[in-house]
C-alpha atoms as a PDB file:
ATOM      1  CA  MET A   1      -0.027  -0.043  -0.055  1.00  0.00           C
ATOM      2  CA  ASP A   2       1.451   3.442  -1.042  1.00  0.00           C
ATOM      3  CA  GLY A   3       1.537   6.318   1.479  1.00  0.00           C
ATOM      4  CA  SER A   4      -1.500   8.174   0.128  1.00  0.00           C
ATOM      5  CA  ALA A   5      -3.626   5.001   0.259  1.00  0.00           C
ATOM      6  CA  GLU A   6      -2.532   4.286   3.804  1.00  0.00           C
ATOM      7  CA  VAL A   7      -3.480   7.822   4.899  1.00  0.00           C
ATOM      8  CA  LYS A   8      -6.848   7.448   3.201  1.00  0.00           C
ATOM      9  CA  THR A   9      -7.501   4.201   4.920  1.00  0.00           C
ATOM     10  CA  ARG A  10      -6.706   5.749   8.337  1.00  0.00           C
ATOM     11  CA  ARG A  11      -9.039   8.643   7.711  1.00  0.00           C
ATOM     12  CA  THR A  12     -11.939   6.377   6.620  1.00  0.00           C
ATOM     13  CA  ALA A  13     -11.543   3.878   9.358  1.00  0.00           C
ATOM     14  CA  PRO A  14     -14.334   3.218  11.898  1.00  0.00           C
ATOM     15  CA  LYS A  15     -14.708   5.854  14.610  1.00  0.00           C
ATOM     16  CA  GLU A  16     -13.168   3.695  17.455  1.00  0.00           C
ATOM     17  CA  VAL A  17     -10.147   2.845  15.210  1.00  0.00           C
ATOM     18  CA  ARG A  18      -9.461   6.510  14.461  1.00  0.00           C
ATOM     19  CA  ARG A  19      -9.817   7.257  18.149  1.00  0.00           C
ATOM     20  CA  GLN A  20      -7.254   4.596  19.026  1.00  0.00           C
ATOM     21  CA  GLN A  21      -4.932   5.851  16.270  1.00  0.00           C
ATOM     22  CA  LEU A  22      -4.916   9.278  17.954  1.00  0.00           C
ATOM     23  CA  ILE A  23      -4.284   7.739  21.334  1.00  0.00           C
ATOM     24  CA  ASP A  24      -1.374   5.608  19.996  1.00  0.00           C
ATOM     25  CA  ALA A  25       0.127   8.633  18.288  1.00  0.00           C
ATOM     26  CA  THR A  26      -0.161  10.741  21.474  1.00  0.00           C
ATOM     27  CA  ILE A  27       1.656   8.039  23.416  1.00  0.00           C
ATOM     28  CA  SER A  28       4.420   8.013  20.821  1.00  0.00           C
ATOM     29  CA  ALA A  29       4.625  11.945  20.871  1.00  0.00           C
ATOM     30  CA  ILE A  30       4.609  12.197  24.681  1.00  0.00           C
ATOM     31  CA  ALA A  31       7.204   9.451  25.013  1.00  0.00           C
ATOM     32  CA  GLU A  32       9.556  11.516  22.736  1.00  0.00           C
ATOM     33  CA  LYS A  33       8.664  15.033  23.538  1.00  0.00           C
ATOM     34  CA  GLY A  34       6.943  15.054  26.868  1.00  0.00           C
ATOM     35  CA  ILE A  35       3.485  16.389  27.607  1.00  0.00           C
ATOM     36  CA  SER A  36       4.360  20.091  27.291  1.00  0.00           C
ATOM     37  CA  GLY A  37       6.232  19.470  23.925  1.00  0.00           C
ATOM     38  CA  THR A  38       3.354  17.625  22.299  1.00  0.00           C
ATOM     39  CA  THR A  39       1.128  19.500  19.889  1.00  0.00           C
ATOM     40  CA  MET A  40      -2.002  18.550  18.113  1.00  0.00           C
ATOM     41  CA  ALA A  41      -0.236  18.827  14.814  1.00  0.00           C
ATOM     42  CA  GLU A  42       2.413  16.502  16.020  1.00  0.00           C
ATOM     43  CA  VAL A  43      -0.116  13.937  17.030  1.00  0.00           C
ATOM     44  CA  THR A  44      -2.242  14.135  13.941  1.00  0.00           C
ATOM     45  CA  GLY A  45       0.807  14.007  11.740  1.00  0.00           C
ATOM     46  CA  ARG A  46       1.910  10.765  13.433  1.00  0.00           C
ATOM     47  CA  ALA A  47      -1.561   9.342  13.083  1.00  0.00           C
ATOM     48  CA  GLY A  48      -2.039  10.443   9.518  1.00  0.00           C
ATOM     49  CA  LEU A  49      -5.264  12.142  10.360  1.00  0.00           C
ATOM     50  CA  SER A  50      -6.586  15.762  10.203  1.00  0.00           C
ATOM     51  CA  LEU A  51      -6.709  18.310  12.984  1.00  0.00           C
ATOM     52  CA  GLY A  52     -10.475  18.263  12.792  1.00  0.00           C
ATOM     53  CA  ILE A  53     -10.717  14.670  13.832  1.00  0.00           C
ATOM     54  CA  VAL A  54      -9.183  15.628  17.188  1.00  0.00           C
ATOM     55  CA  SER A  55     -12.129  17.931  17.934  1.00  0.00           C
ATOM     56  CA  LEU A  56     -14.528  15.158  16.878  1.00  0.00           C
ATOM     57  CA  HIS A  57     -13.071  12.653  19.289  1.00  0.00           C
ATOM     58  CA  PHE A  58     -11.547  14.668  22.142  1.00  0.00           C
ATOM     59  CA  GLU A  59     -13.042  18.175  21.794  1.00  0.00           C
ATOM     60  CA  ASN A  60      -9.743  19.937  22.650  1.00  0.00           C
ATOM     61  CA  LYS A  61      -6.001  19.539  23.051  1.00  0.00           C
ATOM     62  CA  ASP A  62      -6.163  18.948  26.869  1.00  0.00           C
ATOM     63  CA  ASN A  63      -8.536  16.013  26.519  1.00  0.00           C
ATOM     64  CA  LEU A  64      -6.236  14.587  23.775  1.00  0.00           C
ATOM     65  CA  LEU A  65      -3.166  14.900  25.907  1.00  0.00           C
ATOM     66  CA  LYS A  66      -4.942  13.203  28.920  1.00  0.00           C
ATOM     67  CA  SER A  67      -6.320  10.362  26.728  1.00  0.00           C
ATOM     68  CA  PRO A  68      -3.170   8.105  26.970  1.00  0.00           C
ATOM     69  CA  LEU A  69      -3.244   7.990  30.780  1.00  0.00           C
ATOM     70  CA  LYS A  70      -6.886   6.887  30.783  1.00  0.00           C
ATOM     71  CA  HIS A  71      -6.059   4.248  28.153  1.00  0.00           C
ATOM     72  CA  LEU A  72      -2.952   2.894  29.900  1.00  0.00           C
ATOM     73  CA  ALA A  73      -4.540   2.837  33.324  1.00  0.00           C
ATOM     74  CA  GLN A  74      -7.490   0.768  32.035  1.00  0.00           C
ATOM     75  CA  GLU A  75      -5.159  -1.470  29.975  1.00  0.00           C
ATOM     76  CA  LEU A  76      -3.143  -2.375  33.051  1.00  0.00           C
ATOM     77  CA  ARG A  77      -6.263  -2.795  35.170  1.00  0.00           C
ATOM     78  CA  ASP A  78      -7.745  -5.156  32.568  1.00  0.00           C
ATOM     79  CA  LYS A  79      -4.420  -7.151  32.466  1.00  0.00           C
ATOM     80  CA  TRP A  80      -4.108  -7.815  36.231  1.00  0.00           C
ATOM     81  CA  GLY A  81      -7.885  -8.143  36.624  1.00  0.00           C
ATOM     82  CA  LEU A  82      -7.870 -11.192  34.477  1.00  0.00           C
ATOM     83  CA  VAL A  83      -5.506 -12.856  37.003  1.00  0.00           C
ATOM     84  CA  GLN A  84      -7.520 -11.700  40.006  1.00  0.00           C
ATOM     85  CA  ASP A  85     -10.694 -13.078  38.618  1.00  0.00           C
ATOM     86  CA  ASN A  86      -9.279 -16.439  37.618  1.00  0.00           C
ATOM     87  CA  PRO A  87     -10.893 -19.047  39.942  1.00  0.00           C
ATOM     88  CA  ASP A  88      -8.269 -21.685  38.946  1.00  0.00           C
ATOM     89  CA  LEU A  89      -5.404 -19.735  40.618  1.00  0.00           C
ATOM     90  CA  GLY A  90      -4.391 -19.796  44.168  1.00  0.00           C
ATOM     91  CA  PRO A  91      -3.375 -16.789  46.199  1.00  0.00           C
ATOM     92  CA  ALA A  92       0.367 -17.052  45.501  1.00  0.00           C
ATOM     93  CA  GLU A  93      -0.341 -17.411  41.723  1.00  0.00           C
ATOM     94  CA  LYS A  94      -2.731 -14.451  41.825  1.00  0.00           C
ATOM     95  CA  LEU A  95      -0.295 -12.318  43.723  1.00  0.00           C
ATOM     96  CA  TRP A  96       2.522 -13.050  41.251  1.00  0.00           C
ATOM     97  CA  GLY A  97       0.197 -12.563  38.329  1.00  0.00           C
ATOM     98  CA  ILE A  98      -0.991  -9.137  39.500  1.00  0.00           C
ATOM     99  CA  LEU A  99       2.584  -7.977  39.943  1.00  0.00           C
ATOM    100  CA  GLU A 100       3.817  -9.521  36.732  1.00  0.00           C
ATOM    101  CA  ALA A 101       1.154  -7.683  34.813  1.00  0.00           C
ATOM    102  CA  ASN A 102       3.166  -4.521  35.300  1.00  0.00           C
ATOM    103  CA  PHE A 103       5.908  -6.119  33.217  1.00  0.00           C
ATOM    104  CA  HIS A 104       3.724  -7.783  30.556  1.00  0.00           C
ATOM    105  CA  PRO A 105       5.029  -7.046  27.017  1.00  0.00           C
ATOM    106  CA  ASP A 106       1.775  -5.286  26.122  1.00  0.00           C
ATOM    107  CA  ILE A 107       2.120  -2.995  29.204  1.00  0.00           C
ATOM    108  CA  CYS A 108       5.796  -2.413  29.771  1.00  0.00           C
ATOM    109  CA  THR A 109       6.974  -0.797  26.554  1.00  0.00           C
ATOM    110  CA  PHE A 110       9.466   1.984  26.518  1.00  0.00           C
ATOM    111  CA  ASP A 111       6.989   4.485  25.203  1.00  0.00           C
ATOM    112  CA  LYS A 112       4.260   3.491  27.621  1.00  0.00           C
ATOM    113  CA  VAL A 113       6.544   3.690  30.638  1.00  0.00           C
ATOM    114  CA  ARG A 114       7.783   7.076  29.570  1.00  0.00           C
ATOM    115  CA  VAL A 115       4.164   8.365  29.299  1.00  0.00           C
ATOM    116  CA  TRP A 116       3.480   7.148  32.935  1.00  0.00           C
ATOM    117  CA  PHE A 117       6.452   9.095  34.155  1.00  0.00           C
ATOM    118  CA  ALA A 118       5.525  12.092  32.117  1.00  0.00           C
ATOM    119  CA  PHE A 119       2.245  12.298  34.080  1.00  0.00           C
ATOM    120  CA  PHE A 120       4.169  11.566  37.340  1.00  0.00           C
ATOM    121  CA  GLY A 121       6.463  14.442  36.692  1.00  0.00           C
ATOM    122  CA  GLU A 122       4.527  17.303  35.107  1.00  0.00           C
ATOM    123  CA  ALA A 123       2.939  19.444  37.841  1.00  0.00           C
ATOM    124  CA  GLN A 124       0.110  20.574  35.551  1.00  0.00           C
ATOM    125  CA  TYR A 125      -1.123  17.039  35.151  1.00  0.00           C
ATOM    126  CA  ARG A 126      -0.249  15.573  38.525  1.00  0.00           C
ATOM    127  CA  ALA A 127      -3.716  16.271  40.001  1.00  0.00           C
ATOM    128  CA  PHE A 128      -5.345  14.664  36.945  1.00  0.00           C
ATOM    129  CA  TYR A 129      -3.137  11.606  37.431  1.00  0.00           C
ATOM    130  CA  ARG A 130      -4.408  11.232  40.986  1.00  0.00           C
ATOM    131  CA  GLU A 131      -7.989  11.723  39.867  1.00  0.00           C
ATOM    132  CA  MET A 132      -7.712   9.218  37.005  1.00  0.00           C
ATOM    133  CA  VAL A 133      -5.558   6.580  38.495  1.00  0.00           C
ATOM    134  CA  ASP A 134      -6.160   6.720  42.307  1.00  0.00           C
ATOM    135  CA  GLU A 135      -9.172   4.271  42.141  1.00  0.00           C
ATOM    136  CA  PHE A 136      -7.082   1.696  40.188  1.00  0.00           C
ATOM    137  CA  ASP A 137      -4.074   2.137  42.323  1.00  0.00           C
ATOM    138  CA  THR A 138      -6.186   1.685  45.473  1.00  0.00           C
ATOM    139  CA  GLU A 139      -7.973  -1.340  44.026  1.00  0.00           C
ATOM    140  CA  ARG A 140      -4.696  -3.052  43.126  1.00  0.00           C
ATOM    141  CA  ALA A 141      -3.105  -2.273  46.503  1.00  0.00           C
ATOM    142  CA  VAL A 142      -6.086  -3.762  48.310  1.00  0.00           C
ATOM    143  CA  ALA A 143      -5.904  -6.873  46.149  1.00  0.00           C
ATOM    144  CA  ILE A 144      -2.228  -7.327  46.814  1.00  0.00           C
ATOM    145  CA  GLU A 145      -2.665  -6.665  50.563  1.00  0.00           C
ATOM    146  CA  THR A 146      -5.546  -9.141  50.779  1.00  0.00           C
ATOM    147  CA  LEU A 147      -3.529 -11.786  49.032  1.00  0.00           C
ATOM    148  CA  LEU A 148      -0.508 -11.258  51.340  1.00  0.00           C
ATOM    149  CA  LYS A 149      -2.808 -11.643  54.334  1.00  0.00           C
ATOM    150  CA  GLU A 150      -4.123 -14.920  52.874  1.00  0.00           C
ATOM    151  CA  LEU A 151      -0.603 -16.277  52.481  1.00  0.00           C
ATOM    152  CA  ALA A 152       0.553 -15.072  55.956  1.00  0.00           C
ATOM    153  CA  ASP A 153      -2.590 -16.487  57.663  1.00  0.00           C
ATOM    154  CA  ALA A 154      -2.032 -19.838  55.936  1.00  0.00           C
ATOM    155  CA  ASP A 155       1.456 -19.854  57.337  1.00  0.00           C
ATOM    156  CA  GLY A 156       0.252 -18.893  60.821  1.00  0.00           C
ATOM    157  CA  ARG A 157       2.055 -15.507  60.726  1.00  0.00           C
ATOM    158  CA  SER A 158      -0.369 -13.251  62.623  1.00  0.00           C
ATOM    159  CA  ASP A 159       2.308 -10.521  62.972  1.00  0.00           C
ATOM    160  CA  PHE A 160       2.964 -10.192  59.236  1.00  0.00           C
ATOM    161  CA  ASP A 161       2.700  -6.600  57.992  1.00  0.00           C
ATOM    162  CA  ALA A 162       0.664  -6.901  54.932  1.00  0.00           C
ATOM    163  CA  PHE A 163       0.020  -3.242  54.500  1.00  0.00           C
ATOM    164  CA  GLY A 164       3.690  -2.263  54.848  1.00  0.00           C
ATOM    165  CA  THR A 165       4.769  -4.976  52.493  1.00  0.00           C
ATOM    166  CA  THR A 166       2.211  -3.784  49.932  1.00  0.00           C
ATOM    167  CA  GLN A 167       3.706  -0.324  50.116  1.00  0.00           C
ATOM    168  CA  THR A 168       7.204  -1.792  49.534  1.00  0.00           C
ATOM    169  CA  ILE A 169       6.016  -3.893  46.618  1.00  0.00           C
ATOM    170  CA  GLU A 170       4.289  -0.915  44.931  1.00  0.00           C
ATOM    171  CA  SER A 171       7.290   1.361  45.470  1.00  0.00           C
ATOM    172  CA  LEU A 172       9.656  -1.331  44.148  1.00  0.00           C
ATOM    173  CA  ALA A 173       7.562  -1.852  40.971  1.00  0.00           C
ATOM    174  CA  ASP A 174       7.541   1.906  40.279  1.00  0.00           C
ATOM    175  CA  GLY A 175      11.345   2.022  40.909  1.00  0.00           C
ATOM    176  CA  LEU A 176      11.970  -0.888  38.565  1.00  0.00           C
ATOM    177  CA  TRP A 177      10.029   0.853  35.825  1.00  0.00           C
ATOM    178  CA  LEU A 178      12.192   3.914  36.313  1.00  0.00           C
ATOM    179  CA  GLY A 179      15.343   1.826  36.129  1.00  0.00           C
ATOM    180  CA  MET A 180      14.191   0.095  33.026  1.00  0.00           C
ATOM    181  CA  MET A 181      13.389   3.511  31.401  1.00  0.00           C
ATOM    182  CA  LEU A 182      16.668   5.222  32.377  1.00  0.00           C
ATOM    183  CA  TYR A 183      19.088   2.247  32.230  1.00  0.00           C
ATOM    184  CA  PRO A 184      17.613  -0.515  30.091  1.00  0.00           C
ATOM    185  CA  GLU A 185      20.922  -2.285  29.705  1.00  0.00           C
ATOM    186  CA  TRP A 186      21.339  -2.367  33.473  1.00  0.00           C
ATOM    187  CA  MET A 187      17.770  -3.309  34.276  1.00  0.00           C
ATOM    188  CA  PRO A 188      16.322  -5.531  31.570  1.00  0.00           C
ATOM    189  CA  LEU A 189      12.807  -6.872  31.867  1.00  0.00           C
ATOM    190  CA  ASP A 190      13.626 -10.261  33.244  1.00  0.00           C
ATOM    191  CA  ASP A 191      15.872  -8.734  35.878  1.00  0.00           C
ATOM    192  CA  ALA A 192      13.126  -6.426  36.950  1.00  0.00           C
ATOM    193  CA  LYS A 193      10.691  -9.336  37.382  1.00  0.00           C
ATOM    194  CA  ALA A 194      13.422 -11.319  39.282  1.00  0.00           C
ATOM    195  CA  ARG A 195      13.750  -8.444  41.836  1.00  0.00           C
ATOM    196  CA  LEU A 196      10.117  -8.580  42.598  1.00  0.00           C
ATOM    197  CA  TRP A 197      10.242 -12.360  42.858  1.00  0.00           C
ATOM    198  CA  ALA A 198      13.179 -12.153  45.263  1.00  0.00           C
ATOM    199  CA  LEU A 199      11.190  -9.878  47.496  1.00  0.00           C
ATOM    200  CA  LEU A 200       8.254 -12.259  47.592  1.00  0.00           C
ATOM    201  CA  SER A 201      10.645 -15.199  48.215  1.00  0.00           C
ATOM    202  CA  ASP A 202      12.126 -13.380  51.227  1.00  0.00           C
ATOM    203  CA  HIS A 203       8.707 -13.367  52.862  1.00  0.00           C
ATOM    204  CA  PHE A 204       7.261 -16.665  51.416  1.00  0.00           C
ATOM    205  CA  PRO A 205      10.123 -18.960  50.447  1.00  0.00           C
ATOM    206  CA  THR A 206       8.000 -22.028  50.242  1.00  0.00           C
ATOM    207  CA  ARG A 207       5.723 -20.373  47.719  1.00  0.00           C
ATOM    208  CA  PHE A 208       8.133 -18.276  45.795  1.00  0.00           C
ATOM    209  CA  ALA A 209      11.264 -20.531  45.619  1.00  0.00           C
ATOM    210  CA  PRO A 210      14.505 -18.403  46.175  1.00  0.00           C
ATOM    211  CA  GLY A 211      16.530 -18.133  43.056  1.00  0.00           C
ATOM    212  CA  ALA A 212      13.900 -19.740  40.860  1.00  0.00           C
ATOM    213  CA  LEU A 213      12.823 -18.106  37.683  1.00  0.00           C
ATOM    214  CA  PRO A 214       9.215 -16.849  37.864  1.00  0.00           C
ATOM    215  CA  LYS A 215       7.264 -19.601  36.057  1.00  0.00           C
ATOM    216  CA  MET A 216       3.882 -19.382  37.729  1.00  0.00           C
ATOM    217  CA  ALA A 217       0.611 -18.630  35.998  1.00  0.00           C
ATOM    218  CA  SER A 218       0.234 -14.984  35.255  1.00  0.00           C
ATOM    219  CA  ALA A 219      -1.232 -12.410  32.905  1.00  0.00           C
ATOM    220  CA  GLN A 220      -1.362 -13.611  29.313  1.00  0.00           C
END
């Protein structure tokens, strides 16, 4: 297909396809230029669409720039939700699957991680981040804490600090993302997952074998 035919196909695609094209192009632009450096012209140029289509789908530039975070948050929630809702998995498998979802190839791409940190870092959009993602973050934290309590109760460990361990896990996961983004040669994907596995094995060595490669059922 030549270039003009490809652009025509993009412009005549179904509404939901064009919307996703704009979101994908915004992710790409923000990953390269940051939120403040991303313009509507940059996004539509990458998507092969007209400026008018942005108004049709997002009304204005601000909504367009916010659209990737909504998309990425829901994408991550859907991924770990599949694990949480799987009745065939035990608590250890669910716990690992929820954590591993952060590093699933569909979730943990260079561009997507850079977009997450763009919203972390830009003061103008930090409040929106809290508004958009707080419910998902809280839901995941509660799921992790609940599963940690289940594992601790099964081992008779009434003094186990499930809340504090959840905070540690969530902070480590964010830090691993940052390491992968800044120093990909130093922190490749498999090493990042192994660091999380090691933390779990410190607390539950009979369920997360020390030194073993993570091979449990997780997000697909």
